[in-house]
Amino acid sequence: MQDDYLKELKRLEKEIAIQTQRTKVFETRRDNENVAFSNDIQIIRKRVVDYERHIKKLKHHVDKEDTESLIKELQNQQLTEMDLGKLADEIHKIEEDITETKRFKFKM
């Protein structure tokens, strides 16, 4: 009887060790995803601020009815780099990453 309990105890100890290792792996993955997510959010916030700044410049030219400056600003190379569609795609990708991450909730 005692041998059976010892075997069961050893089996449970192995199971605890395995589950502890799995927990560490999940925690590491979660921490890495959290850092990546935070970085993505910071990048998107910076881009939104850049877009707002650009829109304010354009609005200022429109308010002053300064057509030449408005045209120059619209032809500016930075505008081609500032693609709202690309920003929307990045936001959508982050939303998908969040949804996928929620599927991997750790259960003990």
PDB file of N, CA and C in Angstrom:
ATOM      1  N   MET A   1       0.827  -1.192   0.000  1.00  0.00           N
ATOM      2  CA  MET A   1       0.000   0.000   0.000  1.00  0.00           C
ATOM      3  C   MET A   1       0.878   1.264   0.000  1.00  0.00           C
ATOM      4  N   GLN A   2       1.921   1.202   0.842  1.00  0.00           N
ATOM      5  CA  GLN A   2       2.814   2.347   0.931  1.00  0.00           C
ATOM      6  C   GLN A   2       3.531   2.574  -0.404  1.00  0.00           C
ATOM      7  N   ASP A   3       3.914   1.515  -1.072  1.00  0.00           N
ATOM      8  CA  ASP A   3       4.565   1.639  -2.384  1.00  0.00           C
ATOM      9  C   ASP A   3       3.631   2.308  -3.393  1.00  0.00           C
ATOM     10  N   ASP A   4       2.359   1.960  -3.352  1.00  0.00           N
ATOM     11  CA  ASP A   4       1.389   2.585  -4.259  1.00  0.00           C
ATOM     12  C   ASP A   4       1.304   4.084  -3.999  1.00  0.00           C
ATOM     13  N   TYR A   5       1.282   4.464  -2.714  1.00  0.00           N
ATOM     14  CA  TYR A   5       1.230   5.888  -2.381  1.00  0.00           C
ATOM     15  C   TYR A   5       2.497   6.610  -2.821  1.00  0.00           C
ATOM     16  N   LEU A   6       3.633   5.967  -2.660  1.00  0.00           N
ATOM     17  CA  LEU A   6       4.893   6.568  -3.088  1.00  0.00           C
ATOM     18  C   LEU A   6       4.937   6.746  -4.612  1.00  0.00           C
ATOM     19  N   LYS A   7       4.455   5.760  -5.333  1.00  0.00           N
ATOM     20  CA  LYS A   7       4.396   5.865  -6.797  1.00  0.00           C
ATOM     21  C   LYS A   7       3.480   7.013  -7.211  1.00  0.00           C
ATOM     22  N   GLU A   8       2.344   7.078  -6.549  1.00  0.00           N
ATOM     23  CA  GLU A   8       1.395   8.151  -6.864  1.00  0.00           C
ATOM     24  C   GLU A   8       1.991   9.515  -6.513  1.00  0.00           C
ATOM     25  N   LEU A   9       2.686   9.573  -5.395  1.00  0.00           N
ATOM     26  CA  LEU A   9       3.327  10.820  -4.982  1.00  0.00           C
ATOM     27  C   LEU A   9       4.384  11.248  -5.998  1.00  0.00           C
ATOM     28  N   LYS A  10       5.197  10.322  -6.463  1.00  0.00           N
ATOM     29  CA  LYS A  10       6.217  10.644  -7.467  1.00  0.00           C
ATOM     30  C   LYS A  10       5.580  11.080  -8.781  1.00  0.00           C
ATOM     31  N   ARG A  11       4.499  10.400  -9.149  1.00  0.00           N
ATOM     32  CA  ARG A  11       3.790  10.791 -10.372  1.00  0.00           C
ATOM     33  C   ARG A  11       3.249  12.218 -10.248  1.00  0.00           C
ATOM     34  N   LEU A  12       2.684  12.529  -9.098  1.00  0.00           N
ATOM     35  CA  LEU A  12       2.159  13.874  -8.872  1.00  0.00           C
ATOM     36  C   LEU A  12       3.278  14.916  -8.848  1.00  0.00           C
ATOM     37  N   GLU A  13       4.423  14.571  -8.273  1.00  0.00           N
ATOM     38  CA  GLU A  13       5.562  15.491  -8.274  1.00  0.00           C
ATOM     39  C   GLU A  13       6.036  15.776  -9.693  1.00  0.00           C
ATOM     40  N   LYS A  14       6.089  14.737 -10.530  1.00  0.00           N
ATOM     41  CA  LYS A  14       6.472  14.926 -11.937  1.00  0.00           C
ATOM     42  C   LYS A  14       5.449  15.814 -12.643  1.00  0.00           C
ATOM     43  N   GLU A  15       4.180  15.577 -12.369  1.00  0.00           N
ATOM     44  CA  GLU A  15       3.117  16.372 -12.982  1.00  0.00           C
ATOM     45  C   GLU A  15       3.228  17.840 -12.555  1.00  0.00           C
ATOM     46  N   ILE A  16       3.535  18.066 -11.286  1.00  0.00           N
ATOM     47  CA  ILE A  16       3.717  19.438 -10.798  1.00  0.00           C
ATOM     48  C   ILE A  16       4.901  20.090 -11.508  1.00  0.00           C
ATOM     49  N   ALA A  17       5.991  19.356 -11.661  1.00  0.00           N
ATOM     50  CA  ALA A  17       7.175  19.898 -12.341  1.00  0.00           C
ATOM     51  C   ALA A  17       6.852  20.246 -13.791  1.00  0.00           C
ATOM     52  N   ILE A  18       6.108  19.381 -14.455  1.00  0.00           N
ATOM     53  CA  ILE A  18       5.719  19.635 -15.851  1.00  0.00           C
ATOM     54  C   ILE A  18       4.823  20.868 -15.931  1.00  0.00           C
ATOM     55  N   GLN A  19       3.842  20.944 -15.048  1.00  0.00           N
ATOM     56  CA  GLN A  19       2.924  22.082 -15.059  1.00  0.00           C
ATOM     57  C   GLN A  19       3.643  23.389 -14.702  1.00  0.00           C
ATOM     58  N   THR A  20       4.608  23.310 -13.797  1.00  0.00           N
ATOM     59  CA  THR A  20       5.401  24.495 -13.449  1.00  0.00           C
ATOM     60  C   THR A  20       6.191  24.977 -14.661  1.00  0.00           C
ATOM     61  N   GLN A  21       6.783  24.044 -15.381  1.00  0.00           N
ATOM     62  CA  GLN A  21       7.532  24.408 -16.589  1.00  0.00           C
ATOM     63  C   GLN A  21       6.601  25.029 -17.637  1.00  0.00           C
ATOM     64  N   ARG A  22       5.439  24.429 -17.830  1.00  0.00           N
ATOM     65  CA  ARG A  22       4.472  24.981 -18.787  1.00  0.00           C
ATOM     66  C   ARG A  22       4.059  26.391 -18.388  1.00  0.00           C
ATOM     67  N   THR A  23       3.866  26.594 -17.092  1.00  0.00           N
ATOM     68  CA  THR A  23       3.481  27.917 -16.601  1.00  0.00           C
ATOM     69  C   THR A  23       4.564  28.937 -16.914  1.00  0.00           C
ATOM     70  N   LYS A  24       5.828  28.557 -16.705  1.00  0.00           N
ATOM     71  CA  LYS A  24       6.935  29.473 -17.012  1.00  0.00           C
ATOM     72  C   LYS A  24       6.969  29.817 -18.496  1.00  0.00           C
ATOM     73  N   VAL A  25       6.733  28.830 -19.336  1.00  0.00           N
ATOM     74  CA  VAL A  25       6.725  29.066 -20.785  1.00  0.00           C
ATOM     75  C   VAL A  25       5.592  30.026 -21.152  1.00  0.00           C
ATOM     76  N   PHE A  26       4.409  29.791 -20.596  1.00  0.00           N
ATOM     77  CA  PHE A  26       3.273  30.669 -20.886  1.00  0.00           C
ATOM     78  C   PHE A  26       3.516  32.083 -20.368  1.00  0.00           C
ATOM     79  N   GLU A  27       4.100  32.205 -19.194  1.00  0.00           N
ATOM     80  CA  GLU A  27       4.378  33.526 -18.641  1.00  0.00           C
ATOM     81  C   GLU A  27       5.393  34.273 -19.489  1.00  0.00           C
ATOM     82  N   THR A  28       6.419  33.561 -19.942  1.00  0.00           N
ATOM     83  CA  THR A  28       7.423  34.183 -20.804  1.00  0.00           C
ATOM     84  C   THR A  28       6.788  34.640 -22.114  1.00  0.00           C
ATOM     85  N   ARG A  29       5.964  33.786 -22.705  1.00  0.00           N
ATOM     86  CA  ARG A  29       5.284  34.137 -23.951  1.00  0.00           C
ATOM     87  C   ARG A  29       4.373  35.350 -23.740  1.00  0.00           C
ATOM     88  N   ARG A  30       3.629  35.343 -22.636  1.00  0.00           N
ATOM     89  CA  ARG A  30       2.720  36.452 -22.345  1.00  0.00           C
ATOM     90  C   ARG A  30       3.503  37.747 -22.155  1.00  0.00           C
ATOM     91  N   ASP A  31       4.623  37.687 -21.431  1.00  0.00           N
ATOM     92  CA  ASP A  31       5.441  38.880 -21.223  1.00  0.00           C
ATOM     93  C   ASP A  31       5.979  39.410 -22.553  1.00  0.00           C
ATOM     94  N   ASN A  32       6.461  38.509 -23.408  1.00  0.00           N
ATOM     95  CA  ASN A  32       6.975  38.929 -24.722  1.00  0.00           C
ATOM     96  C   ASN A  32       5.879  39.557 -25.570  1.00  0.00           C
ATOM     97  N   GLU A  33       4.701  38.952 -25.557  1.00  0.00           N
ATOM     98  CA  GLU A  33       3.586  39.501 -26.322  1.00  0.00           C
ATOM     99  C   GLU A  33       3.163  40.859 -25.760  1.00  0.00           C
ATOM    100  N   ASN A  34       3.219  40.999 -24.460  1.00  0.00           N
ATOM    101  CA  ASN A  34       2.855  42.263 -23.835  1.00  0.00           C
ATOM    102  C   ASN A  34       3.817  43.375 -24.253  1.00  0.00           C
ATOM    103  N   VAL A  35       5.111  43.069 -24.266  1.00  0.00           N
ATOM    104  CA  VAL A  35       6.109  44.058 -24.693  1.00  0.00           C
ATOM    105  C   VAL A  35       5.899  44.430 -26.157  1.00  0.00           C
ATOM    106  N   ALA A  36       5.685  43.432 -26.996  1.00  0.00           N
ATOM    107  CA  ALA A  36       5.468  43.700 -28.425  1.00  0.00           C
ATOM    108  C   ALA A  36       4.197  44.518 -28.630  1.00  0.00           C
ATOM    109  N   PHE A  37       3.153  44.171 -27.908  1.00  0.00           N
ATOM    110  CA  PHE A  37       1.890  44.901 -28.019  1.00  0.00           C
ATOM    111  C   PHE A  37       2.081  46.352 -27.582  1.00  0.00           C
ATOM    112  N   SER A  38       2.772  46.562 -26.475  1.00  0.00           N
ATOM    113  CA  SER A  38       3.007  47.924 -25.992  1.00  0.00           C
ATOM    114  C   SER A  38       3.802  48.743 -27.009  1.00  0.00           C
ATOM    115  N   ASN A  39       4.798  48.114 -27.610  1.00  0.00           N
ATOM    116  CA  ASN A  39       5.583  48.811 -28.639  1.00  0.00           C
ATOM    117  C   ASN A  39       4.720  49.165 -29.845  1.00  0.00           C
ATOM    118  N   ASP A  40       3.870  48.232 -30.273  1.00  0.00           N
ATOM    119  CA  ASP A  40       2.976  48.511 -31.402  1.00  0.00           C
ATOM    120  C   ASP A  40       2.043  49.679 -31.088  1.00  0.00           C
ATOM    121  N   ILE A  41       1.512  49.702 -29.887  1.00  0.00           N
ATOM    122  CA  ILE A  41       0.611  50.784 -29.494  1.00  0.00           C
ATOM    123  C   ILE A  41       1.346  52.120 -29.488  1.00  0.00           C
ATOM    124  N   GLN A  42       2.576  52.147 -28.983  1.00  0.00           N
ATOM    125  CA  GLN A  42       3.355  53.380 -28.974  1.00  0.00           C
ATOM    126  C   GLN A  42       3.611  53.881 -30.393  1.00  0.00           C
ATOM    127  N   ILE A  43       3.931  52.970 -31.291  1.00  0.00           N
ATOM    128  CA  ILE A  43       4.181  53.353 -32.685  1.00  0.00           C
ATOM    129  C   ILE A  43       2.916  53.929 -33.309  1.00  0.00           C
ATOM    130  N   ILE A  44       1.787  53.292 -33.067  1.00  0.00           N
ATOM    131  CA  ILE A  44       0.528  53.777 -33.638  1.00  0.00           C
ATOM    132  C   ILE A  44       0.161  55.134 -33.046  1.00  0.00           C
ATOM    133  N   ARG A  45       0.357  55.305 -31.746  1.00  0.00           N
ATOM    134  CA  ARG A  45       0.072  56.609 -31.128  1.00  0.00           C
ATOM    135  C   ARG A  45       0.923  57.705 -31.760  1.00  0.00           C
ATOM    136  N   LYS A  46       2.207  57.405 -31.993  1.00  0.00           N
ATOM    137  CA  LYS A  46       3.087  58.399 -32.617  1.00  0.00           C
ATOM    138  C   LYS A  46       2.588  58.742 -34.018  1.00  0.00           C
ATOM    139  N   ARG A  47       2.178  57.731 -34.756  1.00  0.00           N
ATOM    140  CA  ARG A  47       1.677  57.994 -36.102  1.00  0.00           C
ATOM    141  C   ARG A  47       0.408  58.828 -36.073  1.00  0.00           C
ATOM    142  N   VAL A  48      -0.477  58.534 -35.130  1.00  0.00           N
ATOM    143  CA  VAL A  48      -1.716  59.310 -35.023  1.00  0.00           C
ATOM    144  C   VAL A  48      -1.380  60.771 -34.723  1.00  0.00           C
ATOM    145  N   VAL A  49      -0.420  60.998 -33.831  1.00  0.00           N
ATOM    146  CA  VAL A  49       0.001  62.368 -33.525  1.00  0.00           C
ATOM    147  C   VAL A  49       0.570  63.030 -34.778  1.00  0.00           C
ATOM    148  N   ASP A  50       1.352  62.297 -35.559  1.00  0.00           N
ATOM    149  CA  ASP A  50       1.892  62.844 -36.811  1.00  0.00           C
ATOM    150  C   ASP A  50       0.768  63.214 -37.778  1.00  0.00           C
ATOM    151  N   TYR A  51      -0.241  62.344 -37.886  1.00  0.00           N
ATOM    152  CA  TYR A  51      -1.381  62.644 -38.759  1.00  0.00           C
ATOM    153  C   TYR A  51      -2.130  63.875 -38.273  1.00  0.00           C
ATOM    154  N   GLU A  52      -2.343  63.958 -36.973  1.00  0.00           N
ATOM    155  CA  GLU A  52      -3.046  65.128 -36.431  1.00  0.00           C
ATOM    156  C   GLU A  52      -2.279  66.408 -36.718  1.00  0.00           C
ATOM    157  N   ARG A  53      -0.970  66.362 -36.535  1.00  0.00           N
ATOM    158  CA  ARG A  53      -0.133  67.528 -36.806  1.00  0.00           C
ATOM    159  C   ARG A  53      -0.228  67.922 -38.288  1.00  0.00           C
ATOM    160  N   HIS A  54      -0.189  66.928 -39.158  1.00  0.00           N
ATOM    161  CA  HIS A  54      -0.272  67.193 -40.593  1.00  0.00           C
ATOM    162  C   HIS A  54      -1.642  67.784 -40.957  1.00  0.00           C
ATOM    163  N   ILE A  55      -2.690  67.231 -40.385  1.00  0.00           N
ATOM    164  CA  ILE A  55      -4.041  67.734 -40.663  1.00  0.00           C
ATOM    165  C   ILE A  55      -4.185  69.168 -40.171  1.00  0.00           C
ATOM    166  N   LYS A  56      -3.596  69.486 -39.025  1.00  0.00           N
ATOM    167  CA  LYS A  56      -3.650  70.861 -38.514  1.00  0.00           C
ATOM    168  C   LYS A  56      -2.948  71.824 -39.469  1.00  0.00           C
ATOM    169  N   LYS A  57      -1.803  71.386 -40.030  1.00  0.00           N
ATOM    170  CA  LYS A  57      -1.115  72.225 -41.017  1.00  0.00           C
ATOM    171  C   LYS A  57      -2.020  72.488 -42.222  1.00  0.00           C
ATOM    172  N   LEU A  58      -2.638  71.409 -42.706  1.00  0.00           N
ATOM    173  CA  LEU A  58      -3.515  71.558 -43.866  1.00  0.00           C
ATOM    174  C   LEU A  58      -4.691  72.473 -43.544  1.00  0.00           C
ATOM    175  N   LYS A  59      -5.269  72.301 -42.364  1.00  0.00           N
ATOM    176  CA  LYS A  59      -6.404  73.137 -41.964  1.00  0.00           C
ATOM    177  C   LYS A  59      -5.978  74.591 -41.867  1.00  0.00           C
ATOM    178  N   HIS A  60      -4.777  74.830 -41.356  1.00  0.00           N
ATOM    179  CA  HIS A  60      -4.275  76.198 -41.250  1.00  0.00           C
ATOM    180  C   HIS A  60      -4.184  76.842 -42.641  1.00  0.00           C
ATOM    181  N   HIS A  61      -3.691  76.104 -43.615  1.00  0.00           N
ATOM    182  CA  HIS A  61      -3.597  76.634 -44.979  1.00  0.00           C
ATOM    183  C   HIS A  61      -4.982  76.891 -45.567  1.00  0.00           C
ATOM    184  N   VAL A  62      -5.909  76.003 -45.284  1.00  0.00           N
ATOM    185  CA  VAL A  62      -7.274  76.177 -45.793  1.00  0.00           C
ATOM    186  C   VAL A  62      -7.907  77.392 -45.154  1.00  0.00           C
ATOM    187  N   ASP A  63      -7.740  77.541 -43.839  1.00  0.00           N
ATOM    188  CA  ASP A  63      -8.322  78.690 -43.130  1.00  0.00           C
ATOM    189  C   ASP A  63      -7.766  80.009 -43.649  1.00  0.00           C
ATOM    190  N   LYS A  64      -6.482  80.029 -43.993  1.00  0.00           N
ATOM    191  CA  LYS A  64      -5.861  81.245 -44.524  1.00  0.00           C
ATOM    192  C   LYS A  64      -6.124  81.411 -46.021  1.00  0.00           C
ATOM    193  N   GLU A  65      -6.752  80.404 -46.617  1.00  0.00           N
ATOM    194  CA  GLU A  65      -6.997  80.375 -48.057  1.00  0.00           C
ATOM    195  C   GLU A  65      -5.696  80.529 -48.826  1.00  0.00           C
ATOM    196  N   ASP A  66      -4.669  79.867 -48.331  1.00  0.00           N
ATOM    197  CA  ASP A  66      -3.346  79.882 -48.939  1.00  0.00           C
ATOM    198  C   ASP A  66      -3.208  78.635 -49.809  1.00  0.00           C
ATOM    199  N   THR A  67      -3.719  78.731 -51.036  1.00  0.00           N
ATOM    200  CA  THR A  67      -3.782  77.587 -51.932  1.00  0.00           C
ATOM    201  C   THR A  67      -2.397  77.072 -52.298  1.00  0.00           C
ATOM    202  N   GLU A  68      -1.461  77.978 -52.545  1.00  0.00           N
ATOM    203  CA  GLU A  68      -0.115  77.546 -52.947  1.00  0.00           C
ATOM    204  C   GLU A  68       0.555  76.718 -51.842  1.00  0.00           C
ATOM    205  N   SER A  69       0.479  77.196 -50.626  1.00  0.00           N
ATOM    206  CA  SER A  69       1.085  76.451 -49.513  1.00  0.00           C
ATOM    207  C   SER A  69       0.371  75.127 -49.302  1.00  0.00           C
ATOM    208  N   LEU A  70      -0.945  75.125 -49.486  1.00  0.00           N
ATOM    209  CA  LEU A  70      -1.713  73.900 -49.344  1.00  0.00           C
ATOM    210  C   LEU A  70      -1.279  72.866 -50.373  1.00  0.00           C
ATOM    211  N   ILE A  71      -1.114  73.299 -51.612  1.00  0.00           N
ATOM    212  CA  ILE A  71      -0.680  72.391 -52.678  1.00  0.00           C
ATOM    213  C   ILE A  71       0.726  71.866 -52.395  1.00  0.00           C
ATOM    214  N   LYS A  72       1.622  72.750 -51.962  1.00  0.00           N
ATOM    215  CA  LYS A  72       2.984  72.315 -51.632  1.00  0.00           C
ATOM    216  C   LYS A  72       2.964  71.285 -50.508  1.00  0.00           C
ATOM    217  N   GLU A  73       2.139  71.546 -49.513  1.00  0.00           N
ATOM    218  CA  GLU A  73       2.054  70.615 -48.382  1.00  0.00           C
ATOM    219  C   GLU A  73       1.487  69.273 -48.820  1.00  0.00           C
ATOM    220  N   LEU A  74       0.510  69.290 -49.700  1.00  0.00           N
ATOM    221  CA  LEU A  74      -0.085  68.046 -50.191  1.00  0.00           C
ATOM    222  C   LEU A  74       0.889  67.266 -51.070  1.00  0.00           C
ATOM    223  N   GLN A  75       1.792  67.963 -51.733  1.00  0.00           N
ATOM    224  CA  GLN A  75       2.776  67.294 -52.572  1.00  0.00           C
ATOM    225  C   GLN A  75       4.018  66.869 -51.793  1.00  0.00           C
ATOM    226  N   ASN A  76       4.055  67.192 -50.534  1.00  0.00           N
ATOM    227  CA  ASN A  76       5.190  66.869 -49.672  1.00  0.00           C
ATOM    228  C   ASN A  76       5.380  65.352 -49.607  1.00  0.00           C
ATOM    229  N   GLN A  77       6.639  64.913 -49.601  1.00  0.00           N
ATOM    230  CA  GLN A  77       6.957  63.488 -49.570  1.00  0.00           C
ATOM    231  C   GLN A  77       6.446  62.812 -48.308  1.00  0.00           C
ATOM    232  N   GLN A  78       6.424  63.535 -47.208  1.00  0.00           N
ATOM    233  CA  GLN A  78       5.983  62.923 -45.955  1.00  0.00           C
ATOM    234  C   GLN A  78       4.543  62.447 -46.062  1.00  0.00           C
ATOM    235  N   LEU A  79       3.748  63.130 -46.857  1.00  0.00           N
ATOM    236  CA  LEU A  79       2.350  62.726 -46.995  1.00  0.00           C
ATOM    237  C   LEU A  79       2.252  61.345 -47.630  1.00  0.00           C
ATOM    238  N   THR A  80       3.102  61.067 -48.608  1.00  0.00           N
ATOM    239  CA  THR A  80       3.040  59.745 -49.233  1.00  0.00           C
ATOM    240  C   THR A  80       3.453  58.661 -48.240  1.00  0.00           C
ATOM    241  N   GLU A  81       4.343  59.024 -47.301  1.00  0.00           N
ATOM    242  CA  GLU A  81       4.729  58.073 -46.278  1.00  0.00           C
ATOM    243  C   GLU A  81       3.624  57.876 -45.246  1.00  0.00           C
ATOM    244  N   MET A  82       2.800  58.882 -45.060  1.00  0.00           N
ATOM    245  CA  MET A  82       1.710  58.820 -44.090  1.00  0.00           C
ATOM    246  C   MET A  82       0.478  58.249 -44.782  1.00  0.00           C
ATOM    247  N   ASP A  83       0.378  56.973 -44.777  1.00  0.00           N
ATOM    248  CA  ASP A  83      -0.736  56.310 -45.439  1.00  0.00           C
ATOM    249  C   ASP A  83      -1.745  55.849 -44.394  1.00  0.00           C
ATOM    250  N   LEU A  84      -2.931  56.458 -44.416  1.00  0.00           N
ATOM    251  CA  LEU A  84      -3.961  56.111 -43.432  1.00  0.00           C
ATOM    252  C   LEU A  84      -4.409  54.666 -43.575  1.00  0.00           C
ATOM    253  N   GLY A  85      -4.417  54.153 -44.788  1.00  0.00           N
ATOM    254  CA  GLY A  85      -4.791  52.756 -45.003  1.00  0.00           C
ATOM    255  C   GLY A  85      -3.806  51.822 -44.322  1.00  0.00           C
ATOM    256  N   LYS A  86      -2.536  52.166 -44.388  1.00  0.00           N
ATOM    257  CA  LYS A  86      -1.512  51.352 -43.737  1.00  0.00           C
ATOM    258  C   LYS A  86      -1.704  51.380 -42.223  1.00  0.00           C
ATOM    259  N   LEU A  87      -2.021  52.550 -41.692  1.00  0.00           N
ATOM    260  CA  LEU A  87      -2.273  52.659 -40.259  1.00  0.00           C
ATOM    261  C   LEU A  87      -3.476  51.805 -39.859  1.00  0.00           C
ATOM    262  N   ALA A  88      -4.537  51.860 -40.635  1.00  0.00           N
ATOM    263  CA  ALA A  88      -5.723  51.052 -40.345  1.00  0.00           C
ATOM    264  C   ALA A  88      -5.390  49.561 -40.403  1.00  0.00           C
ATOM    265  N   ASP A  89      -4.562  49.165 -41.368  1.00  0.00           N
ATOM    266  CA  ASP A  89      -4.151  47.759 -41.465  1.00  0.00           C
ATOM    267  C   ASP A  89      -3.356  47.325 -40.229  1.00  0.00           C
ATOM    268  N   GLU A  90      -2.469  48.203 -39.762  1.00  0.00           N
ATOM    269  CA  GLU A  90      -1.686  47.870 -38.580  1.00  0.00           C
ATOM    270  C   GLU A  90      -2.568  47.742 -37.344  1.00  0.00           C
ATOM    271  N   ILE A  91      -3.539  48.631 -37.216  1.00  0.00           N
ATOM    272  CA  ILE A  91      -4.475  48.556 -36.090  1.00  0.00           C
ATOM    273  C   ILE A  91      -5.260  47.254 -36.172  1.00  0.00           C
ATOM    274  N   HIS A  92      -5.702  46.901 -37.361  1.00  0.00           N
ATOM    275  CA  HIS A  92      -6.463  45.653 -37.541  1.00  0.00           C
ATOM    276  C   HIS A  92      -5.592  44.439 -37.196  1.00  0.00           C
ATOM    277  N   LYS A  93      -4.314  44.469 -37.578  1.00  0.00           N
ATOM    278  CA  LYS A  93      -3.400  43.366 -37.262  1.00  0.00           C
ATOM    279  C   LYS A  93      -3.250  43.222 -35.752  1.00  0.00           C
ATOM    280  N   ILE A  94      -3.132  44.325 -35.050  1.00  0.00           N
ATOM    281  CA  ILE A  94      -3.002  44.265 -33.597  1.00  0.00           C
ATOM    282  C   ILE A  94      -4.284  43.707 -32.976  1.00  0.00           C
ATOM    283  N   GLU A  95      -5.437  44.097 -33.504  1.00  0.00           N
ATOM    284  CA  GLU A  95      -6.698  43.554 -32.999  1.00  0.00           C
ATOM    285  C   GLU A  95      -6.750  42.040 -33.201  1.00  0.00           C
ATOM    286  N   GLU A  96      -6.281  41.561 -34.346  1.00  0.00           N
ATOM    287  CA  GLU A  96      -6.251  40.114 -34.593  1.00  0.00           C
ATOM    288  C   GLU A  96      -5.282  39.415 -33.642  1.00  0.00           C
ATOM    289  N   ASP A  97      -4.144  40.049 -33.379  1.00  0.00           N
ATOM    290  CA  ASP A  97      -3.178  39.472 -32.440  1.00  0.00           C
ATOM    291  C   ASP A  97      -3.784  39.348 -31.045  1.00  0.00           C
ATOM    292  N   ILE A  98      -4.540  40.352 -30.646  1.00  0.00           N
ATOM    293  CA  ILE A  98      -5.191  40.317 -29.333  1.00  0.00           C
ATOM    294  C   ILE A  98      -6.196  39.182 -29.283  1.00  0.00           C
ATOM    295  N   THR A  99      -6.990  39.032 -30.337  1.00  0.00           N
ATOM    296  CA  THR A  99      -7.978  37.963 -30.387  1.00  0.00           C
ATOM    297  C   THR A  99      -7.299  36.605 -30.320  1.00  0.00           C
ATOM    298  N   GLU A 100      -6.212  36.444 -31.051  1.00  0.00           N
ATOM    299  CA  GLU A 100      -5.488  35.174 -31.047  1.00  0.00           C
ATOM    300  C   GLU A 100      -4.872  34.898 -29.678  1.00  0.00           C
ATOM    301  N   THR A 101      -4.342  35.936 -29.047  1.00  0.00           N
ATOM    302  CA  THR A 101      -3.736  35.776 -27.729  1.00  0.00           C
ATOM    303  C   THR A 101      -4.785  35.366 -26.696  1.00  0.00           C
ATOM    304  N   LYS A 102      -5.978  35.885 -26.820  1.00  0.00           N
ATOM    305  CA  LYS A 102      -7.042  35.534 -25.877  1.00  0.00           C
ATOM    306  C   LYS A 102      -7.389  34.057 -25.972  1.00  0.00           C
ATOM    307  N   ARG A 103      -7.166  33.447 -27.129  1.00  0.00           N
ATOM    308  CA  ARG A 103      -7.438  32.014 -27.278  1.00  0.00           C
ATOM    309  C   ARG A 103      -6.465  31.172 -26.464  1.00  0.00           C
ATOM    310  N   PHE A 104      -5.289  31.720 -26.171  1.00  0.00           N
ATOM    311  CA  PHE A 104      -4.266  30.971 -25.451  1.00  0.00           C
ATOM    312  C   PHE A 104      -4.294  31.263 -23.955  1.00  0.00           C
ATOM    313  N   LYS A 105      -5.454  31.543 -23.429  1.00  0.00           N
ATOM    314  CA  LYS A 105      -5.530  31.801 -21.993  1.00  0.00           C
ATOM    315  C   LYS A 105      -5.035  30.589 -21.242  1.00  0.00           C
ATOM    316  N   PHE A 106      -4.253  30.844 -20.230  1.00  0.00           N
ATOM    317  CA  PHE A 106      -3.677  29.761 -19.440  1.00  0.00           C
ATOM    318  C   PHE A 106      -4.666  29.304 -18.395  1.00  0.00           C
ATOM    319  N   LYS A 107      -4.898  28.002 -18.344  1.00  0.00           N
ATOM    320  CA  LYS A 107      -5.806  27.436 -17.360  1.00  0.00           C
ATOM    321  C   LYS A 107      -5.038  26.461 -16.486  1.00  0.00           C
ATOM    322  N   MET A 108      -5.236  26.579 -15.205  1.00  0.00           N
ATOM    323  CA  MET A 108      -4.569  25.645 -14.273  1.00  0.00           C
ATOM    324  C   MET A 108      -5.583  24.699 -13.712  1.00  0.00           C
TER     325      MET A 108
END
